[in-house]
Amino acid sequence: MAAKVQGSASSSPNDKIWDGLFPVEYTPWPWPGFFFNPESRYISEKVGGSMIFPKEFYFVRHGQTDRNLLDGMTDEEHPVDMSLNHTGMSQAKAIAPIIASLPIQTVCSSPVKRVQQTKEIIAPKEPPHHVIPDLGECSTKIWNQMYSLGMYSPPPPDGEIRLFMDRVRSGINQALSFPGPILVVAHGGVHWALCCLMGIENRTWALENCGVVHFSTNSTGKWTARSLI
């Protein structure tokens, strides 16, 4: 039995939400060597740890909210129901032509309101849309811990940061199971986690609001990230 995809009353009509259900036994994934690990709930390699499926995708961080104006100045959580502010709306409209020029076949996004608002402005309406909860943002505490570790640091072996990164890995692999190229609309913490998991070098892991990044692998299989704005 494959993992289940359902419609969501809280998402837009053409969205589908990944509910995270996994089979009791290990079940082959469409990619050679990948299996569901029902004990951890994450997609893992058949042998030795886990990885991100090597398939290109485009990533956009949501537009600005009033809470973003306080980044670095408060430990308060970012409310999940907070809307984009006027600047955030303008940022999303400004990158819409860039997104329209990309060969997007599937749109995947975090369920959080600020992401959904950004997606509705920038994403093409024709491709299928999927809401993936595992692409949701981390807590302020985890973000501060990741930031303290610094860019180019390896993923920690355990702890809250590792649990978040494992969730992000699961979320991006769910997204990459769909036809590509894929547009992922999510969060700054998710982008940081992806860069860490992929070992991205020579590029900042902190992404500005409505930053647009193209992730792909080179001829040696190494992940690269290129800003499109």
N, C-alpha and C. Protein backbone atom coordinates (compact mmCIF):
# COMPACT_ATOMS: atom_id res chain seq x y z
N MET A 1 0.85 -1.19 0.00
CA MET A 1 0.00 0.00 0.00
C MET A 1 0.88 1.23 0.00
N ALA A 2 0.61 2.15 -0.87
CA ALA A 2 1.41 3.36 -0.95
C ALA A 2 0.97 4.36 0.09
N ALA A 3 1.84 5.34 0.37
CA ALA A 3 1.46 6.41 1.29
C ALA A 3 0.26 7.15 0.72
N LYS A 4 -0.60 7.64 1.58
CA LYS A 4 -1.90 8.14 1.19
C LYS A 4 -1.86 9.65 0.96
N VAL A 5 -2.56 10.11 -0.07
CA VAL A 5 -2.68 11.54 -0.35
C VAL A 5 -4.16 11.87 -0.31
N GLN A 6 -4.52 12.90 0.42
CA GLN A 6 -5.92 13.26 0.58
C GLN A 6 -6.14 14.72 0.24
N GLY A 7 -7.40 15.05 -0.02
CA GLY A 7 -7.77 16.44 -0.16
C GLY A 7 -7.87 17.09 1.20
N SER A 8 -7.75 18.41 1.27
CA SER A 8 -7.81 19.11 2.54
C SER A 8 -8.80 20.25 2.45
N ALA A 9 -9.72 20.33 3.41
CA ALA A 9 -10.71 21.40 3.40
C ALA A 9 -10.06 22.75 3.64
N SER A 10 -8.89 22.78 4.29
CA SER A 10 -8.24 24.04 4.62
C SER A 10 -7.37 24.57 3.49
N SER A 11 -7.14 23.76 2.47
CA SER A 11 -6.31 24.18 1.35
C SER A 11 -7.20 24.57 0.20
N SER A 12 -6.61 25.11 -0.88
CA SER A 12 -7.39 25.51 -2.02
C SER A 12 -7.92 24.29 -2.75
N PRO A 13 -8.97 24.44 -3.58
CA PRO A 13 -9.69 23.30 -4.13
C PRO A 13 -8.83 22.31 -4.90
N ASN A 14 -7.77 22.80 -5.57
CA ASN A 14 -6.96 21.88 -6.36
C ASN A 14 -5.75 21.36 -5.60
N ASP A 15 -5.69 21.64 -4.29
CA ASP A 15 -4.60 21.13 -3.46
C ASP A 15 -4.90 19.72 -2.98
N LYS A 16 -3.83 18.96 -2.74
CA LYS A 16 -3.93 17.67 -2.07
C LYS A 16 -2.95 17.71 -0.91
N ILE A 17 -3.33 17.09 0.19
CA ILE A 17 -2.47 17.13 1.36
C ILE A 17 -1.95 15.74 1.67
N TRP A 18 -0.63 15.64 1.90
CA TRP A 18 0.02 14.37 2.23
C TRP A 18 -0.18 14.14 3.71
N ASP A 19 -0.89 13.05 4.05
CA ASP A 19 -1.24 12.87 5.46
C ASP A 19 -0.22 12.08 6.25
N GLY A 20 0.87 11.66 5.63
CA GLY A 20 1.96 11.03 6.37
C GLY A 20 1.71 9.60 6.79
N LEU A 21 0.72 8.92 6.21
CA LEU A 21 0.48 7.53 6.58
C LEU A 21 1.46 6.61 5.86
N PHE A 22 2.01 5.67 6.59
CA PHE A 22 2.98 4.75 6.02
C PHE A 22 2.52 3.31 6.27
N PRO A 23 2.89 2.37 5.44
CA PRO A 23 2.50 0.97 5.63
C PRO A 23 3.22 0.35 6.82
N VAL A 24 2.69 -0.76 7.29
CA VAL A 24 3.27 -1.44 8.45
C VAL A 24 4.64 -2.01 8.10
N GLU A 25 4.79 -2.59 6.92
CA GLU A 25 6.05 -3.16 6.50
C GLU A 25 6.79 -2.21 5.59
N TYR A 26 8.09 -2.44 5.39
CA TYR A 26 8.85 -1.66 4.43
C TYR A 26 8.23 -1.82 3.05
N THR A 27 8.01 -0.74 2.36
CA THR A 27 7.37 -0.76 1.05
C THR A 27 8.29 -0.09 0.04
N PRO A 28 8.53 -0.70 -1.10
CA PRO A 28 9.41 -0.07 -2.10
C PRO A 28 8.87 1.27 -2.55
N TRP A 29 9.75 2.24 -2.65
CA TRP A 29 9.45 3.57 -3.19
C TRP A 29 9.78 3.55 -4.67
N PRO A 30 9.27 4.46 -5.48
CA PRO A 30 9.54 4.41 -6.92
C PRO A 30 11.00 4.57 -7.30
N TRP A 31 11.87 4.94 -6.36
CA TRP A 31 13.28 5.14 -6.69
C TRP A 31 14.09 3.95 -6.20
N PRO A 32 14.98 3.43 -7.00
CA PRO A 32 15.80 2.29 -6.57
C PRO A 32 16.56 2.59 -5.28
N GLY A 33 16.49 1.65 -4.33
CA GLY A 33 17.26 1.81 -3.10
C GLY A 33 16.55 2.56 -2.00
N PHE A 34 15.35 3.12 -2.27
CA PHE A 34 14.64 3.88 -1.25
C PHE A 34 13.48 3.07 -0.71
N PHE A 35 13.29 3.13 0.61
CA PHE A 35 12.21 2.41 1.25
C PHE A 35 11.60 3.30 2.32
N PHE A 36 10.30 3.12 2.58
CA PHE A 36 9.70 3.76 3.75
C PHE A 36 10.23 3.09 5.01
N ASN A 37 10.56 3.86 6.00
CA ASN A 37 10.91 3.34 7.31
C ASN A 37 9.77 3.67 8.26
N PRO A 38 8.84 2.73 8.51
CA PRO A 38 7.65 3.05 9.31
C PRO A 38 7.98 3.39 10.75
N GLU A 39 9.13 2.95 11.26
CA GLU A 39 9.47 3.24 12.65
C GLU A 39 9.85 4.71 12.83
N SER A 40 10.51 5.28 11.82
CA SER A 40 10.93 6.68 11.96
C SER A 40 10.00 7.63 11.21
N ARG A 41 9.11 7.09 10.35
CA ARG A 41 8.19 7.87 9.53
C ARG A 41 8.90 8.60 8.40
N TYR A 42 10.15 8.35 8.17
CA TYR A 42 10.86 9.07 7.14
C TYR A 42 11.31 8.12 6.04
N ILE A 43 11.47 8.67 4.84
CA ILE A 43 11.96 7.89 3.72
C ILE A 43 13.45 7.70 3.89
N SER A 44 13.92 6.47 3.83
CA SER A 44 15.32 6.18 4.06
C SER A 44 15.92 5.38 2.92
N GLU A 45 17.22 5.44 2.82
CA GLU A 45 17.91 4.56 1.89
C GLU A 45 17.83 3.13 2.40
N LYS A 46 17.90 2.19 1.47
CA LYS A 46 17.86 0.79 1.85
C LYS A 46 19.05 0.43 2.74
N VAL A 47 20.18 1.06 2.48
CA VAL A 47 21.39 0.77 3.26
C VAL A 47 22.00 2.09 3.70
N GLY A 48 22.23 2.22 5.01
CA GLY A 48 23.07 3.30 5.51
C GLY A 48 22.47 4.69 5.50
N GLY A 49 21.66 5.03 6.50
CA GLY A 49 21.23 6.40 6.66
C GLY A 49 20.15 6.80 5.68
N SER A 50 20.12 8.10 5.31
CA SER A 50 19.11 8.61 4.40
C SER A 50 19.69 9.72 3.58
N MET A 51 18.97 10.09 2.49
CA MET A 51 19.46 11.12 1.60
C MET A 51 18.29 11.76 0.89
N ILE A 52 18.58 12.76 0.10
CA ILE A 52 17.57 13.44 -0.71
C ILE A 52 17.67 12.94 -2.14
N PHE A 53 16.54 12.58 -2.69
CA PHE A 53 16.51 12.05 -4.04
C PHE A 53 17.10 13.08 -5.01
N PRO A 54 18.07 12.70 -5.84
CA PRO A 54 18.76 13.65 -6.73
C PRO A 54 17.92 14.06 -7.93
N LYS A 55 17.06 15.03 -7.72
CA LYS A 55 16.15 15.50 -8.77
C LYS A 55 16.00 17.01 -8.63
N GLU A 56 16.18 17.74 -9.69
CA GLU A 56 16.15 19.20 -9.60
C GLU A 56 14.80 19.71 -9.12
N PHE A 57 14.82 20.85 -8.44
CA PHE A 57 13.58 21.52 -8.04
C PHE A 57 13.87 23.00 -7.79
N TYR A 58 12.80 23.76 -7.74
CA TYR A 58 12.88 25.20 -7.45
C TYR A 58 12.28 25.45 -6.07
N PHE A 59 12.91 26.35 -5.32
CA PHE A 59 12.48 26.63 -3.95
C PHE A 59 12.21 28.12 -3.80
N VAL A 60 11.09 28.45 -3.17
CA VAL A 60 10.75 29.85 -2.85
C VAL A 60 10.40 29.95 -1.37
N ARG A 61 11.00 30.91 -0.70
CA ARG A 61 10.57 31.21 0.67
C ARG A 61 9.38 32.17 0.59
N HIS A 62 8.48 32.06 1.55
CA HIS A 62 7.29 32.92 1.59
C HIS A 62 7.66 34.39 1.69
N GLY A 63 6.69 35.25 1.37
CA GLY A 63 6.88 36.69 1.50
C GLY A 63 6.90 37.15 2.95
N GLN A 64 7.24 38.41 3.13
CA GLN A 64 7.43 38.97 4.48
C GLN A 64 6.13 39.05 5.26
N THR A 65 6.25 38.82 6.58
CA THR A 65 5.16 39.08 7.53
C THR A 65 5.67 40.09 8.55
N ASP A 66 4.75 40.60 9.37
CA ASP A 66 5.18 41.54 10.42
C ASP A 66 6.11 40.86 11.41
N ARG A 67 5.93 39.56 11.63
CA ARG A 67 6.83 38.83 12.55
C ARG A 67 8.24 38.78 12.00
N ASN A 68 8.41 38.69 10.68
CA ASN A 68 9.74 38.68 10.10
C ASN A 68 10.53 39.94 10.41
N LEU A 69 9.83 41.04 10.65
CA LEU A 69 10.50 42.29 10.98
C LEU A 69 11.19 42.21 12.34
N LEU A 70 10.80 41.21 13.16
CA LEU A 70 11.38 41.05 14.49
C LEU A 70 12.41 39.93 14.55
N ASP A 71 12.75 39.33 13.40
CA ASP A 71 13.71 38.23 13.39
C ASP A 71 15.01 38.65 14.06
N GLY A 72 15.47 37.83 14.99
CA GLY A 72 16.70 38.12 15.71
C GLY A 72 16.49 38.99 16.93
N MET A 73 15.27 39.49 17.12
CA MET A 73 15.02 40.39 18.25
C MET A 73 14.02 39.82 19.26
N THR A 74 13.48 38.64 18.98
CA THR A 74 12.51 38.04 19.88
C THR A 74 12.60 36.52 19.78
N ASP A 75 12.20 35.86 20.87
CA ASP A 75 12.14 34.40 20.88
C ASP A 75 10.71 33.91 20.71
N GLU A 76 9.78 34.84 20.43
CA GLU A 76 8.39 34.44 20.23
C GLU A 76 8.26 33.63 18.94
N GLU A 77 7.31 32.69 18.95
CA GLU A 77 7.08 31.87 17.77
C GLU A 77 6.37 32.69 16.69
N HIS A 78 6.56 32.27 15.45
CA HIS A 78 5.89 32.90 14.32
C HIS A 78 4.49 32.31 14.22
N PRO A 79 3.43 33.09 14.45
CA PRO A 79 2.07 32.53 14.42
C PRO A 79 1.77 31.89 13.06
N VAL A 80 1.21 30.68 13.09
CA VAL A 80 0.96 29.97 11.83
C VAL A 80 -0.14 30.64 11.01
N ASP A 81 -0.99 31.45 11.68
CA ASP A 81 -2.10 32.07 10.97
C ASP A 81 -1.81 33.52 10.59
N MET A 82 -0.55 33.94 10.71
CA MET A 82 -0.20 35.32 10.36
C MET A 82 -0.14 35.49 8.84
N SER A 83 -0.73 36.56 8.35
CA SER A 83 -0.78 36.82 6.91
C SER A 83 0.47 37.57 6.45
N LEU A 84 0.69 37.57 5.15
CA LEU A 84 1.71 38.42 4.58
C LEU A 84 1.35 39.87 4.83
N ASN A 85 2.36 40.71 5.04
CA ASN A 85 2.09 42.15 5.12
C ASN A 85 2.15 42.75 3.71
N HIS A 86 2.02 44.05 3.61
CA HIS A 86 1.99 44.70 2.29
C HIS A 86 3.28 44.44 1.52
N THR A 87 4.40 44.51 2.23
CA THR A 87 5.69 44.24 1.58
C THR A 87 5.74 42.81 1.06
N GLY A 88 5.26 41.86 1.88
CA GLY A 88 5.26 40.47 1.48
C GLY A 88 4.43 40.22 0.23
N MET A 89 3.27 40.86 0.15
CA MET A 89 2.45 40.75 -1.05
C MET A 89 3.19 41.29 -2.27
N SER A 90 3.85 42.43 -2.09
CA SER A 90 4.59 43.04 -3.20
C SER A 90 5.77 42.17 -3.63
N GLN A 91 6.44 41.54 -2.64
CA GLN A 91 7.56 40.65 -2.96
C GLN A 91 7.08 39.47 -3.81
N ALA A 92 5.95 38.89 -3.43
CA ALA A 92 5.42 37.75 -4.16
C ALA A 92 5.04 38.15 -5.59
N LYS A 93 4.39 39.29 -5.73
CA LYS A 93 4.01 39.75 -7.07
C LYS A 93 5.24 40.02 -7.93
N ALA A 94 6.32 40.48 -7.31
CA ALA A 94 7.53 40.81 -8.06
C ALA A 94 8.21 39.57 -8.64
N ILE A 95 8.11 38.43 -7.94
CA ILE A 95 8.78 37.22 -8.46
C ILE A 95 7.85 36.36 -9.31
N ALA A 96 6.57 36.72 -9.38
CA ALA A 96 5.62 35.91 -10.15
C ALA A 96 6.06 35.72 -11.61
N PRO A 97 6.58 36.77 -12.29
CA PRO A 97 7.02 36.55 -13.68
C PRO A 97 8.19 35.57 -13.79
N ILE A 98 9.07 35.55 -12.79
CA ILE A 98 10.18 34.59 -12.80
C ILE A 98 9.64 33.17 -12.70
N ILE A 99 8.71 32.96 -11.78
CA ILE A 99 8.13 31.63 -11.60
C ILE A 99 7.37 31.21 -12.86
N ALA A 100 6.69 32.16 -13.49
CA ALA A 100 5.92 31.86 -14.69
C ALA A 100 6.81 31.39 -15.84
N SER A 101 8.09 31.79 -15.81
CA SER A 101 9.01 31.41 -16.89
C SER A 101 9.62 30.02 -16.69
N LEU A 102 9.38 29.40 -15.53
CA LEU A 102 9.98 28.11 -15.22
C LEU A 102 9.07 26.96 -15.67
N PRO A 103 9.64 25.84 -16.04
CA PRO A 103 8.85 24.70 -16.54
C PRO A 103 8.24 23.85 -15.43
N ILE A 104 7.46 24.47 -14.55
CA ILE A 104 6.92 23.79 -13.37
C ILE A 104 5.85 22.78 -13.76
N GLN A 105 5.98 21.56 -13.23
CA GLN A 105 5.00 20.50 -13.47
C GLN A 105 4.19 20.15 -12.22
N THR A 106 4.72 20.47 -11.05
CA THR A 106 4.04 20.19 -9.79
C THR A 106 4.40 21.28 -8.79
N VAL A 107 3.44 21.66 -7.95
CA VAL A 107 3.68 22.65 -6.90
C VAL A 107 3.45 21.99 -5.54
N CYS A 108 4.45 22.07 -4.66
CA CYS A 108 4.36 21.50 -3.31
C CYS A 108 4.62 22.60 -2.29
N SER A 109 3.90 22.59 -1.20
CA SER A 109 4.02 23.70 -0.26
C SER A 109 3.75 23.27 1.17
N SER A 110 4.25 24.11 2.10
CA SER A 110 3.92 24.01 3.51
C SER A 110 2.46 24.42 3.70
N PRO A 111 1.79 23.87 4.71
CA PRO A 111 0.39 24.25 4.95
C PRO A 111 0.20 25.60 5.63
N VAL A 112 1.28 26.25 6.07
CA VAL A 112 1.18 27.47 6.86
C VAL A 112 0.64 28.63 6.01
N LYS A 113 -0.16 29.49 6.63
CA LYS A 113 -0.91 30.52 5.91
C LYS A 113 -0.03 31.41 5.06
N ARG A 114 1.10 31.87 5.60
CA ARG A 114 1.94 32.80 4.85
C ARG A 114 2.52 32.14 3.59
N VAL A 115 2.74 30.84 3.66
CA VAL A 115 3.21 30.11 2.49
C VAL A 115 2.08 29.95 1.48
N GLN A 116 0.89 29.59 1.96
CA GLN A 116 -0.24 29.41 1.06
C GLN A 116 -0.59 30.71 0.33
N GLN A 117 -0.51 31.84 1.05
CA GLN A 117 -0.77 33.13 0.40
C GLN A 117 0.28 33.43 -0.68
N THR A 118 1.53 33.15 -0.38
CA THR A 118 2.59 33.36 -1.36
C THR A 118 2.37 32.47 -2.58
N LYS A 119 2.07 31.21 -2.33
CA LYS A 119 1.85 30.26 -3.43
C LYS A 119 0.72 30.70 -4.34
N GLU A 120 -0.37 31.20 -3.76
CA GLU A 120 -1.51 31.61 -4.58
C GLU A 120 -1.16 32.77 -5.51
N ILE A 121 -0.18 33.58 -5.11
CA ILE A 121 0.24 34.71 -5.95
C ILE A 121 1.20 34.28 -7.03
N ILE A 122 2.13 33.37 -6.71
CA ILE A 122 3.23 33.10 -7.63
C ILE A 122 3.07 31.83 -8.46
N ALA A 123 2.33 30.84 -7.95
CA ALA A 123 2.38 29.52 -8.58
C ALA A 123 1.42 29.41 -9.75
N PRO A 124 1.83 28.70 -10.80
CA PRO A 124 0.91 28.45 -11.91
C PRO A 124 -0.27 27.61 -11.42
N LYS A 125 -1.44 27.86 -11.98
CA LYS A 125 -2.65 27.18 -11.51
C LYS A 125 -2.85 25.82 -12.15
N GLU A 126 -2.27 25.59 -13.34
CA GLU A 126 -2.55 24.36 -14.08
C GLU A 126 -1.95 23.11 -13.45
N PRO A 127 -0.68 23.12 -12.99
CA PRO A 127 -0.12 21.88 -12.43
C PRO A 127 -0.82 21.47 -11.14
N PRO A 128 -0.73 20.20 -10.78
CA PRO A 128 -1.27 19.76 -9.49
C PRO A 128 -0.57 20.46 -8.33
N HIS A 129 -1.32 20.77 -7.28
CA HIS A 129 -0.79 21.37 -6.06
C HIS A 129 -0.91 20.37 -4.92
N HIS A 130 0.16 20.23 -4.13
CA HIS A 130 0.16 19.30 -3.00
C HIS A 130 0.65 20.03 -1.75
N VAL A 131 -0.09 19.91 -0.66
CA VAL A 131 0.31 20.49 0.63
C VAL A 131 0.99 19.39 1.44
N ILE A 132 2.24 19.64 1.87
CA ILE A 132 3.04 18.63 2.58
C ILE A 132 3.40 19.17 3.97
N PRO A 133 2.74 18.68 5.02
CA PRO A 133 3.01 19.18 6.37
C PRO A 133 4.47 19.09 6.80
N ASP A 134 5.21 18.09 6.32
CA ASP A 134 6.61 17.96 6.71
C ASP A 134 7.49 19.09 6.18
N LEU A 135 6.94 19.95 5.32
CA LEU A 135 7.66 21.14 4.85
C LEU A 135 7.37 22.36 5.72
N GLY A 136 6.70 22.16 6.85
CA GLY A 136 6.42 23.26 7.76
C GLY A 136 7.67 23.78 8.45
N GLU A 137 7.56 24.97 9.02
CA GLU A 137 8.72 25.63 9.63
C GLU A 137 9.07 25.03 10.98
N CYS A 138 10.33 25.24 11.38
CA CYS A 138 10.79 24.83 12.71
C CYS A 138 10.39 25.88 13.74
N SER A 139 10.62 25.58 15.00
CA SER A 139 10.38 26.54 16.08
C SER A 139 11.49 27.59 16.07
N THR A 140 11.23 28.70 16.74
CA THR A 140 12.25 29.74 16.89
C THR A 140 13.47 29.19 17.61
N LYS A 141 13.24 28.33 18.60
CA LYS A 141 14.35 27.72 19.34
C LYS A 141 15.27 26.93 18.41
N ILE A 142 14.69 26.11 17.56
CA ILE A 142 15.50 25.30 16.64
C ILE A 142 16.21 26.19 15.63
N TRP A 143 15.50 27.21 15.13
CA TRP A 143 16.15 28.13 14.19
C TRP A 143 17.38 28.77 14.83
N ASN A 144 17.24 29.26 16.06
CA ASN A 144 18.36 29.90 16.74
C ASN A 144 19.52 28.93 16.94
N GLN A 145 19.19 27.67 17.25
CA GLN A 145 20.25 26.67 17.43
C GLN A 145 20.97 26.39 16.11
N MET A 146 20.23 26.27 15.02
CA MET A 146 20.85 26.04 13.71
C MET A 146 21.74 27.21 13.34
N TYR A 147 21.23 28.41 13.57
CA TYR A 147 21.99 29.61 13.21
C TYR A 147 23.28 29.70 14.03
N SER A 148 23.19 29.29 15.30
CA SER A 148 24.38 29.32 16.16
C SER A 148 25.45 28.34 15.70
N LEU A 149 25.02 27.19 15.17
CA LEU A 149 25.99 26.23 14.65
C LEU A 149 26.73 26.78 13.43
N GLY A 150 26.08 27.64 12.68
CA GLY A 150 26.71 28.29 11.55
C GLY A 150 26.57 27.53 10.25
N MET A 151 26.76 28.27 9.16
CA MET A 151 26.71 27.66 7.84
C MET A 151 27.88 26.69 7.65
N TYR A 152 27.67 25.73 6.78
CA TYR A 152 28.67 24.73 6.39
C TYR A 152 28.98 23.74 7.51
N SER A 153 28.18 23.77 8.59
CA SER A 153 28.34 22.76 9.63
C SER A 153 27.56 21.52 9.22
N PRO A 154 28.03 20.32 9.57
CA PRO A 154 27.32 19.10 9.19
C PRO A 154 26.05 18.94 10.01
N PRO A 155 25.10 18.15 9.53
CA PRO A 155 23.89 17.89 10.34
C PRO A 155 24.27 17.25 11.66
N PRO A 156 23.69 17.69 12.76
CA PRO A 156 24.00 17.07 14.05
C PRO A 156 23.51 15.63 14.08
N PRO A 157 24.15 14.77 14.87
CA PRO A 157 23.79 13.35 14.88
C PRO A 157 22.47 13.06 15.58
N ASP A 158 22.03 13.97 16.46
CA ASP A 158 20.79 13.72 17.19
C ASP A 158 20.26 15.05 17.71
N GLY A 159 19.21 15.01 18.52
CA GLY A 159 18.66 16.21 19.11
C GLY A 159 17.55 16.82 18.28
N GLU A 160 17.04 17.97 18.74
CA GLU A 160 15.89 18.61 18.10
C GLU A 160 16.20 19.06 16.67
N ILE A 161 17.40 19.57 16.44
CA ILE A 161 17.76 20.00 15.08
C ILE A 161 17.73 18.81 14.13
N ARG A 162 18.29 17.70 14.58
CA ARG A 162 18.32 16.52 13.72
C ARG A 162 16.91 16.03 13.41
N LEU A 163 16.02 16.06 14.40
CA LEU A 163 14.64 15.64 14.17
C LEU A 163 13.97 16.55 13.14
N PHE A 164 14.22 17.84 13.24
CA PHE A 164 13.66 18.78 12.26
C PHE A 164 14.23 18.50 10.87
N MET A 165 15.54 18.29 10.77
CA MET A 165 16.15 18.03 9.47
C MET A 165 15.65 16.72 8.87
N ASP A 166 15.43 15.72 9.72
CA ASP A 166 14.86 14.47 9.22
C ASP A 166 13.45 14.69 8.67
N ARG A 167 12.68 15.54 9.35
CA ARG A 167 11.34 15.86 8.86
C ARG A 167 11.41 16.57 7.51
N VAL A 168 12.32 17.53 7.40
CA VAL A 168 12.48 18.25 6.14
C VAL A 168 12.90 17.29 5.02
N ARG A 169 13.81 16.39 5.34
CA ARG A 169 14.23 15.39 4.35
C ARG A 169 13.02 14.58 3.87
N SER A 170 12.19 14.15 4.81
CA SER A 170 10.99 13.42 4.45
C SER A 170 10.09 14.27 3.56
N GLY A 171 9.91 15.54 3.94
CA GLY A 171 9.03 16.42 3.17
C GLY A 171 9.51 16.65 1.75
N ILE A 172 10.81 16.89 1.59
CA ILE A 172 11.32 17.15 0.24
C ILE A 172 11.28 15.89 -0.60
N ASN A 173 11.52 14.74 0.00
CA ASN A 173 11.43 13.49 -0.76
C ASN A 173 9.99 13.18 -1.16
N GLN A 174 9.04 13.54 -0.31
CA GLN A 174 7.63 13.43 -0.72
C GLN A 174 7.38 14.32 -1.93
N ALA A 175 7.87 15.56 -1.88
CA ALA A 175 7.67 16.48 -3.01
C ALA A 175 8.32 15.95 -4.28
N LEU A 176 9.53 15.41 -4.14
CA LEU A 176 10.27 14.96 -5.31
C LEU A 176 9.72 13.64 -5.88
N SER A 177 8.74 13.05 -5.23
CA SER A 177 8.10 11.86 -5.79
C SER A 177 7.13 12.22 -6.91
N PHE A 178 6.78 13.51 -7.01
CA PHE A 178 5.83 13.95 -8.03
C PHE A 178 6.57 14.33 -9.32
N PRO A 179 5.84 14.43 -10.45
CA PRO A 179 6.48 14.81 -11.71
C PRO A 179 7.15 16.18 -11.61
N GLY A 180 8.32 16.29 -12.17
CA GLY A 180 9.08 17.54 -12.11
C GLY A 180 9.22 18.19 -13.47
N PRO A 181 9.80 19.38 -13.47
CA PRO A 181 10.36 20.12 -12.33
C PRO A 181 9.28 20.54 -11.33
N ILE A 182 9.69 20.60 -10.07
CA ILE A 182 8.79 20.87 -8.96
C ILE A 182 9.10 22.23 -8.36
N LEU A 183 8.06 22.97 -8.03
CA LEU A 183 8.20 24.21 -7.26
C LEU A 183 7.83 23.91 -5.82
N VAL A 184 8.76 24.20 -4.89
CA VAL A 184 8.52 24.04 -3.45
C VAL A 184 8.42 25.43 -2.84
N VAL A 185 7.32 25.72 -2.18
CA VAL A 185 7.13 27.00 -1.48
C VAL A 185 7.09 26.68 0.01
N ALA A 186 8.03 27.22 0.75
CA ALA A 186 8.13 26.85 2.17
C ALA A 186 8.79 27.98 2.97
N HIS A 187 9.75 27.65 3.83
CA HIS A 187 10.23 28.55 4.86
C HIS A 187 11.75 28.69 4.86
N GLY A 188 12.23 29.72 5.56
CA GLY A 188 13.66 29.94 5.69
C GLY A 188 14.36 28.82 6.44
N GLY A 189 13.73 28.31 7.49
CA GLY A 189 14.33 27.20 8.23
C GLY A 189 14.42 25.93 7.41
N VAL A 190 13.43 25.70 6.56
CA VAL A 190 13.45 24.54 5.67
C VAL A 190 14.59 24.68 4.66
N HIS A 191 14.76 25.88 4.13
CA HIS A 191 15.86 26.13 3.18
C HIS A 191 17.21 25.89 3.85
N TRP A 192 17.38 26.38 5.08
CA TRP A 192 18.63 26.17 5.82
C TRP A 192 18.89 24.68 6.01
N ALA A 193 17.85 23.95 6.43
CA ALA A 193 18.00 22.51 6.65
C ALA A 193 18.38 21.78 5.36
N LEU A 194 17.75 22.16 4.25
CA LEU A 194 18.08 21.53 2.96
C LEU A 194 19.53 21.79 2.59
N CYS A 195 19.98 23.02 2.75
CA CYS A 195 21.37 23.35 2.42
C CYS A 195 22.34 22.54 3.27
N CYS A 196 21.99 22.36 4.55
CA CYS A 196 22.84 21.58 5.44
C CYS A 196 22.87 20.11 5.01
N LEU A 197 21.69 19.55 4.75
CA LEU A 197 21.60 18.15 4.35
C LEU A 197 22.30 17.88 3.02
N MET A 198 22.25 18.86 2.13
CA MET A 198 22.85 18.70 0.80
C MET A 198 24.33 19.06 0.76
N GLY A 199 24.82 19.69 1.83
CA GLY A 199 26.21 20.14 1.84
C GLY A 199 26.47 21.26 0.86
N ILE A 200 25.52 22.20 0.76
CA ILE A 200 25.67 23.33 -0.16
C ILE A 200 26.83 24.22 0.29
N GLU A 201 27.69 24.57 -0.65
CA GLU A 201 28.86 25.41 -0.37
C GLU A 201 28.82 26.69 -1.21
N ASN A 202 29.58 27.68 -0.77
CA ASN A 202 29.75 28.93 -1.52
C ASN A 202 28.43 29.65 -1.77
N ARG A 203 27.51 29.50 -0.82
CA ARG A 203 26.24 30.22 -0.90
C ARG A 203 25.67 30.32 0.50
N THR A 204 25.07 31.47 0.81
CA THR A 204 24.48 31.63 2.13
C THR A 204 23.29 30.70 2.29
N TRP A 205 23.14 30.12 3.48
CA TRP A 205 22.00 29.25 3.76
C TRP A 205 20.79 30.04 4.23
N ALA A 206 20.96 31.31 4.57
CA ALA A 206 19.85 32.16 4.99
C ALA A 206 19.21 32.77 3.75
N LEU A 207 17.94 32.49 3.54
CA LEU A 207 17.24 32.94 2.33
C LEU A 207 16.30 34.08 2.67
N GLU A 208 16.36 35.13 1.87
CA GLU A 208 15.49 36.28 2.07
C GLU A 208 14.04 35.92 1.70
N ASN A 209 13.10 36.73 2.19
CA ASN A 209 11.70 36.52 1.83
C ASN A 209 11.53 36.60 0.32
N CYS A 210 10.82 35.62 -0.22
CA CYS A 210 10.58 35.48 -1.66
C CYS A 210 11.87 35.31 -2.47
N GLY A 211 12.91 34.80 -1.82
CA GLY A 211 14.08 34.37 -2.57
C GLY A 211 13.73 33.14 -3.40
N VAL A 212 14.33 33.04 -4.59
CA VAL A 212 14.06 31.94 -5.51
C VAL A 212 15.37 31.21 -5.78
N VAL A 213 15.40 29.90 -5.53
CA VAL A 213 16.63 29.11 -5.65
C VAL A 213 16.37 27.88 -6.51
N HIS A 214 17.31 27.59 -7.39
CA HIS A 214 17.25 26.36 -8.20
C HIS A 214 18.24 25.36 -7.61
N PHE A 215 17.74 24.23 -7.12
CA PHE A 215 18.57 23.16 -6.60
C PHE A 215 18.71 22.07 -7.66
N SER A 216 19.92 21.61 -7.89
CA SER A 216 20.16 20.53 -8.84
C SER A 216 21.47 19.83 -8.48
N THR A 217 21.71 18.68 -9.09
CA THR A 217 22.96 17.96 -8.88
C THR A 217 23.84 18.10 -10.11
N ASN A 218 25.16 18.15 -9.90
CA ASN A 218 26.08 18.26 -11.02
C ASN A 218 26.50 16.87 -11.51
N SER A 219 27.47 16.84 -12.41
CA SER A 219 27.89 15.57 -13.03
C SER A 219 28.48 14.58 -12.03
N THR A 220 28.94 15.08 -10.89
CA THR A 220 29.50 14.19 -9.87
C THR A 220 28.47 13.77 -8.83
N GLY A 221 27.23 14.27 -8.98
CA GLY A 221 26.18 13.94 -8.03
C GLY A 221 26.10 14.88 -6.85
N LYS A 222 26.92 15.95 -6.83
CA LYS A 222 26.91 16.90 -5.72
C LYS A 222 25.79 17.92 -5.93
N TRP A 223 25.09 18.24 -4.86
CA TRP A 223 24.03 19.24 -4.93
C TRP A 223 24.61 20.65 -5.09
N THR A 224 23.94 21.45 -5.90
CA THR A 224 24.31 22.85 -6.07
C THR A 224 23.03 23.69 -5.92
N ALA A 225 23.19 24.95 -5.54
CA ALA A 225 22.07 25.86 -5.38
C ALA A 225 22.41 27.18 -6.08
N ARG A 226 21.48 27.66 -6.90
CA ARG A 226 21.72 28.88 -7.66
C ARG A 226 20.52 29.81 -7.49
N SER A 227 20.81 31.05 -7.06
CA SER A 227 19.75 32.04 -6.91
C SER A 227 19.28 32.53 -8.28
N LEU A 228 17.98 32.71 -8.43
CA LEU A 228 17.40 33.18 -9.69
C LEU A 228 17.01 34.65 -9.65
N ILE A 229 17.30 35.32 -8.52
CA ILE A 229 17.04 36.75 -8.46
C ILE A 229 18.24 37.45 -7.82
